[in-house]
Amino acid sequence: MSDTTRLLDQEFTAEVCHRLLPDWKDLDIQITQLSGGITNKLFRIQSEKGDYTVRIYGDKTDLFINRDYEAHTIQEMARVGVASNMIKYMPELGVTIVEFIGDSIVLTNDDFLNASLYSKIVAPVRKIHSSGVQLKQIFNPLVEVMKMSAILKRLNVDYEEFDISGTIERLVKLSSIINIPQSEYTPCHNDLLADNFILINDDARDRYDEPMYIIDWEYAGMAPKYYDIADMFQEILGPREAEKGIVGEYCNGDNFDRTLFLIDLFKPFPDIYWFLWSLIQLNISKIEFDYYNYGKTKYENAIENLKFMKEEYGVAV
């Protein structure tokens, strides 16, 4: 881990690229730091030999991310056709390198309000869920929330303004109501924020197999597919009309009401998961980001969704 820390802290230069990719030595290299990473540092590197994204793992991310599982997921999802190809996996240096997806735009939350994009947004998500791939990670939403809570406790920090234990107890009750067995888990991304959707430009479609790709597979695993979409909605926070439009596209006329119901019931889980994640990052991360208020918003959203479930469906926990 000492090598990881040094690479994370040092300036990312051509010499660092040579260390990671010795066959790039003596080539002209263009380096661009990418925005959006709040766990890791991301760089785009270009030379005559390739165009890649370098992910340098954030400090102590091994507390909640299994990089071997992540690497396996990237390789499997690239074969499915929803992820970019793995170039190099170097856990001893805290680095993963994948092909950069150029000729594209990164989606924003506003794009999820555009009904003309629903089919392109939903297609890779449905493809992941129906792929039949067996990922190595089992992502039980309640178990993962409890793992995050345990990590936070080990950091010996206290946030009395949040009823963490009481809220987790409510999720325990909610999980028993949802009651989806592990046998029904499917491959899931589990971090479907807008920044992780890459839309290929129309004028470049002939150079890519698919119109939309998904990146950043750190939290992927076998999980309830309804959780995956609930997580996406809690990142986007779009109007109800947009949520129903996306679910309608996903269902394609089959089991719409039940699917929407289960998605709604899962919404508090990703919010509490990322709330706890944020408080952990607040105490361990070297990346400048307002983790506290990011987490506070997630907590408040979870409480609002627990209230919504009672009013909408009569589900009270």
C-alpha atoms as a PDB file:
ATOM      1  CA  MET A   1       0.000   0.000   0.000  1.00  0.00           C
ATOM      2  CA  SER A   2       2.958   2.337   0.388  1.00  0.00           C
ATOM      3  CA  ASP A   3       3.429   2.374  -3.398  1.00  0.00           C
ATOM      4  CA  THR A   4      -0.269   3.187  -3.785  1.00  0.00           C
ATOM      5  CA  THR A   5      -0.027   6.118  -1.415  1.00  0.00           C
ATOM      6  CA  ARG A   6       3.000   7.527  -3.184  1.00  0.00           C
ATOM      7  CA  LEU A   7       1.335   7.256  -6.593  1.00  0.00           C
ATOM      8  CA  LEU A   8      -1.858   8.834  -5.273  1.00  0.00           C
ATOM      9  CA  ASP A   9       0.011  11.768  -3.770  1.00  0.00           C
ATOM     10  CA  GLN A  10       2.535  12.504  -6.500  1.00  0.00           C
ATOM     11  CA  GLU A  11       2.042  14.547  -9.653  1.00  0.00           C
ATOM     12  CA  PHE A  12       0.859  12.427 -12.564  1.00  0.00           C
ATOM     13  CA  THR A  13       3.520  12.865 -15.264  1.00  0.00           C
ATOM     14  CA  ALA A  14       4.815  11.162 -18.387  1.00  0.00           C
ATOM     15  CA  GLU A  15       7.350   9.394 -16.165  1.00  0.00           C
ATOM     16  CA  VAL A  16       4.472   7.876 -14.184  1.00  0.00           C
ATOM     17  CA  CYS A  17       2.911   6.731 -17.467  1.00  0.00           C
ATOM     18  CA  HIS A  18       6.217   5.081 -18.416  1.00  0.00           C
ATOM     19  CA  ARG A  19       6.179   3.242 -15.093  1.00  0.00           C
ATOM     20  CA  LEU A  20       2.672   1.972 -15.752  1.00  0.00           C
ATOM     21  CA  LEU A  21       3.125   1.355 -19.484  1.00  0.00           C
ATOM     22  CA  PRO A  22       6.819   0.740 -20.270  1.00  0.00           C
ATOM     23  CA  ASP A  23       6.079   0.368 -23.994  1.00  0.00           C
ATOM     24  CA  TRP A  24       5.031   4.048 -24.017  1.00  0.00           C
ATOM     25  CA  LYS A  25       8.562   5.204 -23.167  1.00  0.00           C
ATOM     26  CA  ASP A  26       9.871   7.878 -25.556  1.00  0.00           C
ATOM     27  CA  LEU A  27       6.386   8.522 -26.957  1.00  0.00           C
ATOM     28  CA  ASP A  28       4.605  11.871 -26.859  1.00  0.00           C
ATOM     29  CA  ILE A  29       1.973  11.537 -24.151  1.00  0.00           C
ATOM     30  CA  GLN A  30      -0.986  13.814 -23.535  1.00  0.00           C
ATOM     31  CA  ILE A  31      -2.314  13.761 -19.969  1.00  0.00           C
ATOM     32  CA  THR A  32      -5.669  15.184 -18.874  1.00  0.00           C
ATOM     33  CA  GLN A  33      -7.070  14.938 -15.369  1.00  0.00           C
ATOM     34  CA  LEU A  34     -10.718  13.932 -15.502  1.00  0.00           C
ATOM     35  CA  SER A  35     -13.359  15.476 -13.297  1.00  0.00           C
ATOM     36  CA  GLY A  36     -16.036  13.583 -11.435  1.00  0.00           C
ATOM     37  CA  GLY A  37     -13.978  11.261  -9.289  1.00  0.00           C
ATOM     38  CA  ILE A  38     -14.778  11.640  -5.584  1.00  0.00           C
ATOM     39  CA  THR A  39     -13.190   8.352  -4.517  1.00  0.00           C
ATOM     40  CA  ASN A  40     -10.212   8.056  -6.855  1.00  0.00           C
ATOM     41  CA  LYS A  41      -8.063  10.193  -9.136  1.00  0.00           C
ATOM     42  CA  LEU A  42      -8.769   9.774 -12.840  1.00  0.00           C
ATOM     43  CA  PHE A  43      -6.555  10.655 -15.789  1.00  0.00           C
ATOM     44  CA  ARG A  44      -6.930  10.321 -19.535  1.00  0.00           C
ATOM     45  CA  ILE A  45      -3.648   9.434 -21.238  1.00  0.00           C
ATOM     46  CA  GLN A  46      -3.137   9.459 -25.006  1.00  0.00           C
ATOM     47  CA  SER A  47      -0.301   8.419 -27.272  1.00  0.00           C
ATOM     48  CA  GLU A  48       0.060   6.832 -30.701  1.00  0.00           C
ATOM     49  CA  LYS A  49      -0.369   3.472 -28.953  1.00  0.00           C
ATOM     50  CA  GLY A  50      -3.701   4.140 -27.305  1.00  0.00           C
ATOM     51  CA  ASP A  51      -6.221   6.287 -25.482  1.00  0.00           C
ATOM     52  CA  TYR A  52      -6.795   5.136 -21.906  1.00  0.00           C
ATOM     53  CA  THR A  53      -8.325   6.064 -18.570  1.00  0.00           C
ATOM     54  CA  VAL A  54      -6.071   5.562 -15.549  1.00  0.00           C
ATOM     55  CA  ARG A  55      -7.796   5.130 -12.199  1.00  0.00           C
ATOM     56  CA  ILE A  56      -5.605   5.661  -9.133  1.00  0.00           C
ATOM     57  CA  TYR A  57      -7.378   4.233  -6.118  1.00  0.00           C
ATOM     58  CA  GLY A  58      -8.287   6.628  -3.339  1.00  0.00           C
ATOM     59  CA  ASP A  59      -6.711   6.284   0.084  1.00  0.00           C
ATOM     60  CA  LYS A  60      -8.062   3.340   2.135  1.00  0.00           C
ATOM     61  CA  THR A  61     -10.694   2.453  -0.459  1.00  0.00           C
ATOM     62  CA  ASP A  62      -9.812  -1.175   0.228  1.00  0.00           C
ATOM     63  CA  LEU A  63     -12.028  -0.790   3.300  1.00  0.00           C
ATOM     64  CA  PHE A  64     -15.092  -1.177   1.079  1.00  0.00           C
ATOM     65  CA  ILE A  65     -13.918  -2.039  -2.454  1.00  0.00           C
ATOM     66  CA  ASN A  66     -12.514  -5.388  -3.553  1.00  0.00           C
ATOM     67  CA  ARG A  67     -10.339  -4.513  -6.530  1.00  0.00           C
ATOM     68  CA  ASP A  68     -10.028  -8.118  -7.722  1.00  0.00           C
ATOM     69  CA  TYR A  69     -13.819  -8.305  -7.931  1.00  0.00           C
ATOM     70  CA  GLU A  70     -13.910  -4.958  -9.726  1.00  0.00           C
ATOM     71  CA  ALA A  71     -11.359  -6.125 -12.304  1.00  0.00           C
ATOM     72  CA  HIS A  72     -13.331  -9.318 -12.918  1.00  0.00           C
ATOM     73  CA  THR A  73     -16.515  -7.275 -13.369  1.00  0.00           C
ATOM     74  CA  ILE A  74     -14.910  -4.911 -15.897  1.00  0.00           C
ATOM     75  CA  GLN A  75     -13.711  -7.855 -17.966  1.00  0.00           C
ATOM     76  CA  GLU A  76     -17.099  -9.572 -17.865  1.00  0.00           C
ATOM     77  CA  MET A  77     -19.072  -6.421 -18.637  1.00  0.00           C
ATOM     78  CA  ALA A  78     -16.750  -5.570 -21.526  1.00  0.00           C
ATOM     79  CA  ARG A  79     -17.603  -8.974 -22.982  1.00  0.00           C
ATOM     80  CA  VAL A  80     -21.296  -8.218 -22.498  1.00  0.00           C
ATOM     81  CA  GLY A  81     -20.762  -4.961 -24.392  1.00  0.00           C
ATOM     82  CA  VAL A  82     -21.585  -2.344 -21.771  1.00  0.00           C
ATOM     83  CA  ALA A  83     -18.099  -1.487 -20.433  1.00  0.00           C
ATOM     84  CA  SER A  84     -14.783  -0.421 -21.931  1.00  0.00           C
ATOM     85  CA  ASN A  85     -11.995  -2.982 -22.274  1.00  0.00           C
ATOM     86  CA  MET A  86      -9.503  -3.604 -19.508  1.00  0.00           C
ATOM     87  CA  ILE A  87      -5.941  -2.669 -20.484  1.00  0.00           C
ATOM     88  CA  LYS A  88      -4.019  -3.322 -17.281  1.00  0.00           C
ATOM     89  CA  TYR A  89      -4.802  -4.184 -13.675  1.00  0.00           C
ATOM     90  CA  MET A  90      -2.039  -3.273 -11.225  1.00  0.00           C
ATOM     91  CA  PRO A  91      -3.367  -3.650  -7.663  1.00  0.00           C
ATOM     92  CA  GLU A  92       0.156  -3.517  -6.251  1.00  0.00           C
ATOM     93  CA  LEU A  93       0.305   0.095  -7.469  1.00  0.00           C
ATOM     94  CA  GLY A  94      -3.344   0.891  -6.834  1.00  0.00           C
ATOM     95  CA  VAL A  95      -4.106   1.351 -10.533  1.00  0.00           C
ATOM     96  CA  THR A  96      -6.569   0.104 -13.115  1.00  0.00           C
ATOM     97  CA  ILE A  97      -6.266   1.147 -16.762  1.00  0.00           C
ATOM     98  CA  VAL A  98      -9.142   0.814 -19.239  1.00  0.00           C
ATOM     99  CA  GLU A  99      -9.818   2.058 -22.747  1.00  0.00           C
ATOM    100  CA  PHE A 100     -11.084   5.620 -22.833  1.00  0.00           C
ATOM    101  CA  ILE A 101     -14.431   5.954 -24.602  1.00  0.00           C
ATOM    102  CA  GLY A 102     -13.996   8.956 -26.854  1.00  0.00           C
ATOM    103  CA  ASP A 103     -16.372  10.579 -29.335  1.00  0.00           C
ATOM    104  CA  SER A 104     -18.927  10.802 -26.566  1.00  0.00           C
ATOM    105  CA  ILE A 105     -20.594  12.905 -23.891  1.00  0.00           C
ATOM    106  CA  VAL A 106     -21.084  12.184 -20.214  1.00  0.00           C
ATOM    107  CA  LEU A 107     -24.738  12.348 -19.233  1.00  0.00           C
ATOM    108  CA  THR A 108     -26.049  14.877 -16.738  1.00  0.00           C
ATOM    109  CA  ASN A 109     -29.112  14.648 -14.533  1.00  0.00           C
ATOM    110  CA  ASP A 110     -31.035  16.753 -17.035  1.00  0.00           C
ATOM    111  CA  ASP A 111     -30.553  14.072 -19.700  1.00  0.00           C
ATOM    112  CA  PHE A 112     -32.744  11.748 -17.630  1.00  0.00           C
ATOM    113  CA  LEU A 113     -35.630  14.151 -18.229  1.00  0.00           C
ATOM    114  CA  ASN A 114     -35.319  13.673 -21.989  1.00  0.00           C
ATOM    115  CA  ALA A 115     -37.772  10.937 -22.988  1.00  0.00           C
ATOM    116  CA  SER A 116     -36.007  10.491 -26.329  1.00  0.00           C
ATOM    117  CA  LEU A 117     -32.976   9.144 -24.433  1.00  0.00           C
ATOM    118  CA  TYR A 118     -34.840   6.638 -22.262  1.00  0.00           C
ATOM    119  CA  SER A 119     -34.267   3.702 -24.595  1.00  0.00           C
ATOM    120  CA  LYS A 120     -30.518   4.421 -24.750  1.00  0.00           C
ATOM    121  CA  ILE A 121     -30.295   4.851 -20.971  1.00  0.00           C
ATOM    122  CA  VAL A 122     -32.246   1.695 -20.202  1.00  0.00           C
ATOM    123  CA  ALA A 123     -30.640  -0.586 -22.802  1.00  0.00           C
ATOM    124  CA  PRO A 124     -27.277  -1.137 -21.039  1.00  0.00           C
ATOM    125  CA  VAL A 125     -28.958  -1.411 -17.623  1.00  0.00           C
ATOM    126  CA  ARG A 126     -31.323  -4.101 -18.886  1.00  0.00           C
ATOM    127  CA  LYS A 127     -28.400  -5.787 -20.645  1.00  0.00           C
ATOM    128  CA  ILE A 128     -26.436  -5.954 -17.378  1.00  0.00           C
ATOM    129  CA  HIS A 129     -29.385  -7.368 -15.454  1.00  0.00           C
ATOM    130  CA  SER A 130     -30.215  -9.998 -18.074  1.00  0.00           C
ATOM    131  CA  SER A 131     -26.628 -10.948 -18.980  1.00  0.00           C
ATOM    132  CA  GLY A 132     -26.508 -14.095 -16.862  1.00  0.00           C
ATOM    133  CA  VAL A 133     -22.991 -13.214 -15.743  1.00  0.00           C
ATOM    134  CA  GLN A 134     -22.078 -14.376 -12.238  1.00  0.00           C
ATOM    135  CA  LEU A 135     -20.149 -11.595 -10.516  1.00  0.00           C
ATOM    136  CA  LYS A 136     -17.956 -12.475  -7.546  1.00  0.00           C
ATOM    137  CA  GLN A 137     -19.394  -9.872  -5.210  1.00  0.00           C
ATOM    138  CA  ILE A 138     -22.740 -10.446  -3.481  1.00  0.00           C
ATOM    139  CA  PHE A 139     -24.292  -7.034  -2.837  1.00  0.00           C
ATOM    140  CA  ASN A 140     -27.128  -7.481  -0.362  1.00  0.00           C
ATOM    141  CA  PRO A 141     -28.312  -3.890   0.224  1.00  0.00           C
ATOM    142  CA  LEU A 142     -29.033  -4.350   3.934  1.00  0.00           C
ATOM    143  CA  VAL A 143     -25.794  -6.241   4.572  1.00  0.00           C
ATOM    144  CA  GLU A 144     -23.787  -3.598   2.710  1.00  0.00           C
ATOM    145  CA  VAL A 145     -25.400  -0.810   4.765  1.00  0.00           C
ATOM    146  CA  MET A 146     -24.464  -2.672   7.934  1.00  0.00           C
ATOM    147  CA  LYS A 147     -20.885  -3.142   6.683  1.00  0.00           C
ATOM    148  CA  MET A 148     -20.608   0.606   6.101  1.00  0.00           C
ATOM    149  CA  SER A 149     -22.003   1.275   9.554  1.00  0.00           C
ATOM    150  CA  ALA A 150     -19.417  -1.059  11.080  1.00  0.00           C
ATOM    151  CA  ILE A 151     -16.580   0.679   9.221  1.00  0.00           C
ATOM    152  CA  LEU A 152     -17.801   4.053  10.471  1.00  0.00           C
ATOM    153  CA  LYS A 153     -17.929   2.767  14.048  1.00  0.00           C
ATOM    154  CA  ARG A 154     -14.329   1.541  13.795  1.00  0.00           C
ATOM    155  CA  LEU A 155     -13.246   5.063  12.897  1.00  0.00           C
ATOM    156  CA  ASN A 156     -14.395   6.203  16.369  1.00  0.00           C
ATOM    157  CA  VAL A 157     -16.302   9.232  15.125  1.00  0.00           C
ATOM    158  CA  ASP A 158     -19.719  10.358  16.259  1.00  0.00           C
ATOM    159  CA  TYR A 159     -22.496  12.170  14.410  1.00  0.00           C
ATOM    160  CA  GLU A 160     -25.297  12.588  16.932  1.00  0.00           C
ATOM    161  CA  GLU A 161     -27.303  14.743  14.529  1.00  0.00           C
ATOM    162  CA  PHE A 162     -28.187  11.583  12.579  1.00  0.00           C
ATOM    163  CA  ASP A 163     -30.185   8.642  13.976  1.00  0.00           C
ATOM    164  CA  ILE A 164     -28.007   6.040  12.296  1.00  0.00           C
ATOM    165  CA  SER A 165     -28.928   3.018  14.414  1.00  0.00           C
ATOM    166  CA  GLY A 166     -32.639   3.848  14.366  1.00  0.00           C
ATOM    167  CA  THR A 167     -32.664   4.305  10.602  1.00  0.00           C
ATOM    168  CA  ILE A 168     -30.845   1.010  10.056  1.00  0.00           C
ATOM    169  CA  GLU A 169     -33.451  -0.711  12.214  1.00  0.00           C
ATOM    170  CA  ARG A 170     -36.107   0.685   9.898  1.00  0.00           C
ATOM    171  CA  LEU A 171     -34.211  -0.732   6.927  1.00  0.00           C
ATOM    172  CA  VAL A 172     -34.059  -4.140   8.629  1.00  0.00           C
ATOM    173  CA  LYS A 173     -37.862  -4.128   8.822  1.00  0.00           C
ATOM    174  CA  LEU A 174     -38.162  -2.859   5.254  1.00  0.00           C
ATOM    175  CA  SER A 175     -35.824  -5.574   3.976  1.00  0.00           C
ATOM    176  CA  SER A 176     -38.048  -8.242   5.516  1.00  0.00           C
ATOM    177  CA  ILE A 177     -41.054  -6.712   3.736  1.00  0.00           C
ATOM    178  CA  ILE A 178     -39.266  -6.630   0.358  1.00  0.00           C
ATOM    179  CA  ASN A 179     -37.932 -10.168   0.896  1.00  0.00           C
ATOM    180  CA  ILE A 180     -36.111 -10.779  -2.384  1.00  0.00           C
ATOM    181  CA  PRO A 181     -34.081 -14.005  -2.138  1.00  0.00           C
ATOM    182  CA  GLN A 182     -30.455 -14.109  -3.215  1.00  0.00           C
ATOM    183  CA  SER A 183     -31.419 -16.631  -5.887  1.00  0.00           C
ATOM    184  CA  GLU A 184     -33.141 -13.750  -7.727  1.00  0.00           C
ATOM    185  CA  TYR A 185     -30.132 -11.427  -7.628  1.00  0.00           C
ATOM    186  CA  THR A 186     -28.760 -10.316 -11.001  1.00  0.00           C
ATOM    187  CA  PRO A 187     -25.539  -8.552 -12.026  1.00  0.00           C
ATOM    188  CA  CYS A 188     -25.898  -4.899 -11.008  1.00  0.00           C
ATOM    189  CA  HIS A 189     -23.747  -1.793 -11.270  1.00  0.00           C
ATOM    190  CA  ASN A 190     -24.929  -0.306  -7.954  1.00  0.00           C
ATOM    191  CA  ASP A 191     -23.672   3.222  -8.689  1.00  0.00           C
ATOM    192  CA  LEU A 192     -25.700   4.418 -11.665  1.00  0.00           C
ATOM    193  CA  LEU A 193     -25.230   8.156 -11.342  1.00  0.00           C
ATOM    194  CA  ALA A 194     -25.399  10.248 -14.509  1.00  0.00           C
ATOM    195  CA  ASP A 195     -21.606  10.638 -14.672  1.00  0.00           C
ATOM    196  CA  ASN A 196     -21.274   6.901 -15.264  1.00  0.00           C
ATOM    197  CA  PHE A 197     -23.333   6.900 -18.481  1.00  0.00           C
ATOM    198  CA  ILE A 198     -21.305   7.590 -21.635  1.00  0.00           C
ATOM    199  CA  LEU A 199     -23.350   8.420 -24.745  1.00  0.00           C
ATOM    200  CA  ILE A 200     -21.619   7.989 -28.113  1.00  0.00           C
ATOM    201  CA  ASN A 201     -21.960  10.952 -30.452  1.00  0.00           C
ATOM    202  CA  ASP A 202     -24.207  10.338 -33.450  1.00  0.00           C
ATOM    203  CA  ASP A 203     -21.378  11.020 -35.906  1.00  0.00           C
ATOM    204  CA  ALA A 204     -19.242   8.305 -34.273  1.00  0.00           C
ATOM    205  CA  ARG A 205     -21.838   5.535 -33.950  1.00  0.00           C
ATOM    206  CA  ASP A 206     -20.266   3.493 -36.757  1.00  0.00           C
ATOM    207  CA  ARG A 207     -17.079   3.171 -34.685  1.00  0.00           C
ATOM    208  CA  TYR A 208     -18.787   1.700 -31.604  1.00  0.00           C
ATOM    209  CA  ASP A 209     -20.891  -1.387 -31.070  1.00  0.00           C
ATOM    210  CA  GLU A 210     -23.354   0.323 -28.723  1.00  0.00           C
ATOM    211  CA  PRO A 211     -24.786   3.859 -28.349  1.00  0.00           C
ATOM    212  CA  MET A 212     -24.297   3.920 -24.566  1.00  0.00           C
ATOM    213  CA  TYR A 213     -21.645   2.549 -22.213  1.00  0.00           C
ATOM    214  CA  ILE A 214     -21.357   2.484 -18.434  1.00  0.00           C
ATOM    215  CA  ILE A 215     -18.145   3.114 -16.501  1.00  0.00           C
ATOM    216  CA  ASP A 216     -16.884   2.833 -12.890  1.00  0.00           C
ATOM    217  CA  TRP A 217     -17.647  -0.694 -11.695  1.00  0.00           C
ATOM    218  CA  GLU A 218     -16.226  -0.492  -8.169  1.00  0.00           C
ATOM    219  CA  TYR A 219     -19.474  -1.354  -6.364  1.00  0.00           C
ATOM    220  CA  ALA A 220     -20.860  -3.852  -8.853  1.00  0.00           C
ATOM    221  CA  GLY A 221     -22.117  -7.222  -7.716  1.00  0.00           C
ATOM    222  CA  MET A 222     -25.008  -9.617  -7.650  1.00  0.00           C
ATOM    223  CA  ALA A 223     -27.904  -7.601  -6.226  1.00  0.00           C
ATOM    224  CA  PRO A 224     -31.658  -7.028  -6.605  1.00  0.00           C
ATOM    225  CA  LYS A 225     -32.164  -5.290  -9.937  1.00  0.00           C
ATOM    226  CA  TYR A 226     -34.730  -3.012  -8.290  1.00  0.00           C
ATOM    227  CA  TYR A 227     -32.015  -1.682  -5.989  1.00  0.00           C
ATOM    228  CA  ASP A 228     -29.864  -0.796  -8.997  1.00  0.00           C
ATOM    229  CA  ILE A 229     -32.610   1.348 -10.509  1.00  0.00           C
ATOM    230  CA  ALA A 230     -33.545   2.813  -7.118  1.00  0.00           C
ATOM    231  CA  ASP A 231     -29.927   3.884  -6.709  1.00  0.00           C
ATOM    232  CA  MET A 232     -30.037   5.512 -10.141  1.00  0.00           C
ATOM    233  CA  PHE A 233     -33.203   7.423  -9.292  1.00  0.00           C
ATOM    234  CA  GLN A 234     -31.776   8.612  -5.975  1.00  0.00           C
ATOM    235  CA  GLU A 235     -28.733   9.955  -7.796  1.00  0.00           C
ATOM    236  CA  ILE A 236     -30.769  11.655 -10.525  1.00  0.00           C
ATOM    237  CA  LEU A 237     -33.613  12.916  -8.306  1.00  0.00           C
ATOM    238  CA  GLY A 238     -35.814  13.588 -11.282  1.00  0.00           C
ATOM    239  CA  PRO A 239     -39.582  14.157 -11.231  1.00  0.00           C
ATOM    240  CA  ARG A 240     -41.967  11.247 -10.767  1.00  0.00           C
ATOM    241  CA  GLU A 241     -43.024  11.449 -14.401  1.00  0.00           C
ATOM    242  CA  ALA A 242     -39.446  10.774 -15.517  1.00  0.00           C
ATOM    243  CA  GLU A 243     -39.077   7.850 -13.122  1.00  0.00           C
ATOM    244  CA  LYS A 244     -42.269   6.272 -14.452  1.00  0.00           C
ATOM    245  CA  GLY A 245     -41.135   6.839 -18.029  1.00  0.00           C
ATOM    246  CA  ILE A 246     -37.802   5.121 -17.404  1.00  0.00           C
ATOM    247  CA  VAL A 247     -39.434   2.224 -15.539  1.00  0.00           C
ATOM    248  CA  GLY A 248     -41.933   1.858 -18.366  1.00  0.00           C
ATOM    249  CA  GLU A 249     -39.069   1.623 -20.851  1.00  0.00           C
ATOM    250  CA  TYR A 250     -37.277  -0.886 -18.632  1.00  0.00           C
ATOM    251  CA  CYS A 251     -40.358  -3.076 -18.180  1.00  0.00           C
ATOM    252  CA  ASN A 252     -41.485  -2.838 -21.795  1.00  0.00           C
ATOM    253  CA  GLY A 253     -45.081  -3.357 -20.676  1.00  0.00           C
ATOM    254  CA  ASP A 254     -44.385  -6.222 -18.273  1.00  0.00           C
ATOM    255  CA  ASN A 255     -44.977  -5.971 -14.489  1.00  0.00           C
ATOM    256  CA  PHE A 256     -44.778  -2.184 -14.391  1.00  0.00           C
ATOM    257  CA  ASP A 257     -46.666  -1.696 -11.113  1.00  0.00           C
ATOM    258  CA  ARG A 258     -44.715  -4.327  -9.165  1.00  0.00           C
ATOM    259  CA  THR A 259     -41.395  -3.108 -10.558  1.00  0.00           C
ATOM    260  CA  LEU A 260     -42.101   0.496  -9.616  1.00  0.00           C
ATOM    261  CA  PHE A 261     -43.298  -0.593  -6.158  1.00  0.00           C
ATOM    262  CA  LEU A 262     -40.105  -2.539  -5.435  1.00  0.00           C
ATOM    263  CA  ILE A 263     -37.903   0.246  -6.791  1.00  0.00           C
ATOM    264  CA  ASP A 264     -39.666   2.692  -4.477  1.00  0.00           C
ATOM    265  CA  LEU A 265     -39.177   0.393  -1.484  1.00  0.00           C
ATOM    266  CA  PHE A 266     -35.471   0.065  -2.206  1.00  0.00           C
ATOM    267  CA  LYS A 267     -34.843   3.828  -2.459  1.00  0.00           C
ATOM    268  CA  PRO A 268     -33.842   4.383   1.191  1.00  0.00           C
ATOM    269  CA  PHE A 269     -31.138   1.705   0.982  1.00  0.00           C
ATOM    270  CA  PRO A 270     -28.771   3.420  -1.493  1.00  0.00           C
ATOM    271  CA  ASP A 271     -29.293   6.748   0.250  1.00  0.00           C
ATOM    272  CA  ILE A 272     -28.231   5.349   3.625  1.00  0.00           C
ATOM    273  CA  TYR A 273     -25.407   3.376   2.004  1.00  0.00           C
ATOM    274  CA  TRP A 274     -23.969   6.515   0.374  1.00  0.00           C
ATOM    275  CA  PHE A 275     -24.672   8.571   3.492  1.00  0.00           C
ATOM    276  CA  LEU A 276     -22.490   6.236   5.544  1.00  0.00           C
ATOM    277  CA  TRP A 277     -19.929   6.059   2.727  1.00  0.00           C
ATOM    278  CA  SER A 278     -19.733   9.855   2.776  1.00  0.00           C
ATOM    279  CA  LEU A 279     -19.045  10.023   6.506  1.00  0.00           C
ATOM    280  CA  ILE A 280     -16.325   7.408   6.076  1.00  0.00           C
ATOM    281  CA  GLN A 281     -14.781   9.368   3.203  1.00  0.00           C
ATOM    282  CA  LEU A 282     -14.944  12.517   5.310  1.00  0.00           C
ATOM    283  CA  ASN A 283     -12.539  10.843   7.710  1.00  0.00           C
ATOM    284  CA  ILE A 284     -10.196   9.006   5.345  1.00  0.00           C
ATOM    285  CA  SER A 285     -10.167  10.638   1.901  1.00  0.00           C
ATOM    286  CA  LYS A 286      -7.472  13.008   0.655  1.00  0.00           C
ATOM    287  CA  ILE A 287      -9.676  14.206  -2.207  1.00  0.00           C
ATOM    288  CA  GLU A 288     -11.226  17.640  -1.732  1.00  0.00           C
ATOM    289  CA  PHE A 289     -15.004  17.233  -1.687  1.00  0.00           C
ATOM    290  CA  ASP A 290     -17.849  18.267   0.612  1.00  0.00           C
ATOM    291  CA  TYR A 291     -18.556  14.749   1.836  1.00  0.00           C
ATOM    292  CA  TYR A 292     -20.493  15.914   4.884  1.00  0.00           C
ATOM    293  CA  ASN A 293     -23.215  17.810   3.037  1.00  0.00           C
ATOM    294  CA  TYR A 294     -23.325  15.196   0.288  1.00  0.00           C
ATOM    295  CA  GLY A 295     -24.040  12.591   2.965  1.00  0.00           C
ATOM    296  CA  LYS A 296     -26.469  14.810   4.866  1.00  0.00           C
ATOM    297  CA  THR A 297     -28.569  15.195   1.716  1.00  0.00           C
ATOM    298  CA  LYS A 298     -28.584  11.430   1.226  1.00  0.00           C
ATOM    299  CA  TYR A 299     -29.761  10.890   4.809  1.00  0.00           C
ATOM    300  CA  GLU A 300     -32.554  13.432   4.439  1.00  0.00           C
ATOM    301  CA  ASN A 301     -33.645  11.866   1.148  1.00  0.00           C
ATOM    302  CA  ALA A 302     -33.861   8.456   2.814  1.00  0.00           C
ATOM    303  CA  ILE A 303     -36.088   9.788   5.580  1.00  0.00           C
ATOM    304  CA  GLU A 304     -38.325  11.461   2.993  1.00  0.00           C
ATOM    305  CA  ASN A 305     -38.619   8.215   1.036  1.00  0.00           C
ATOM    306  CA  LEU A 306     -39.561   6.268   4.146  1.00  0.00           C
ATOM    307  CA  LYS A 307     -42.341   8.821   4.617  1.00  0.00           C
ATOM    308  CA  PHE A 308     -43.329   8.535   0.934  1.00  0.00           C
ATOM    309  CA  MET A 309     -43.688   4.740   1.192  1.00  0.00           C
ATOM    310  CA  LYS A 310     -46.106   5.065   4.050  1.00  0.00           C
ATOM    311  CA  GLU A 311     -48.211   7.660   2.224  1.00  0.00           C
ATOM    312  CA  GLU A 312     -48.089   6.003  -1.195  1.00  0.00           C
ATOM    313  CA  TYR A 313     -48.285   2.320  -0.301  1.00  0.00           C
ATOM    314  CA  GLY A 314     -49.130   2.115   3.390  1.00  0.00           C
ATOM    315  CA  VAL A 315     -45.713   0.553   4.083  1.00  0.00           C
ATOM    316  CA  ALA A 316     -44.678   1.861   7.511  1.00  0.00           C
ATOM    317  CA  VAL A 317     -41.399   0.914   9.194  1.00  0.00           C
END
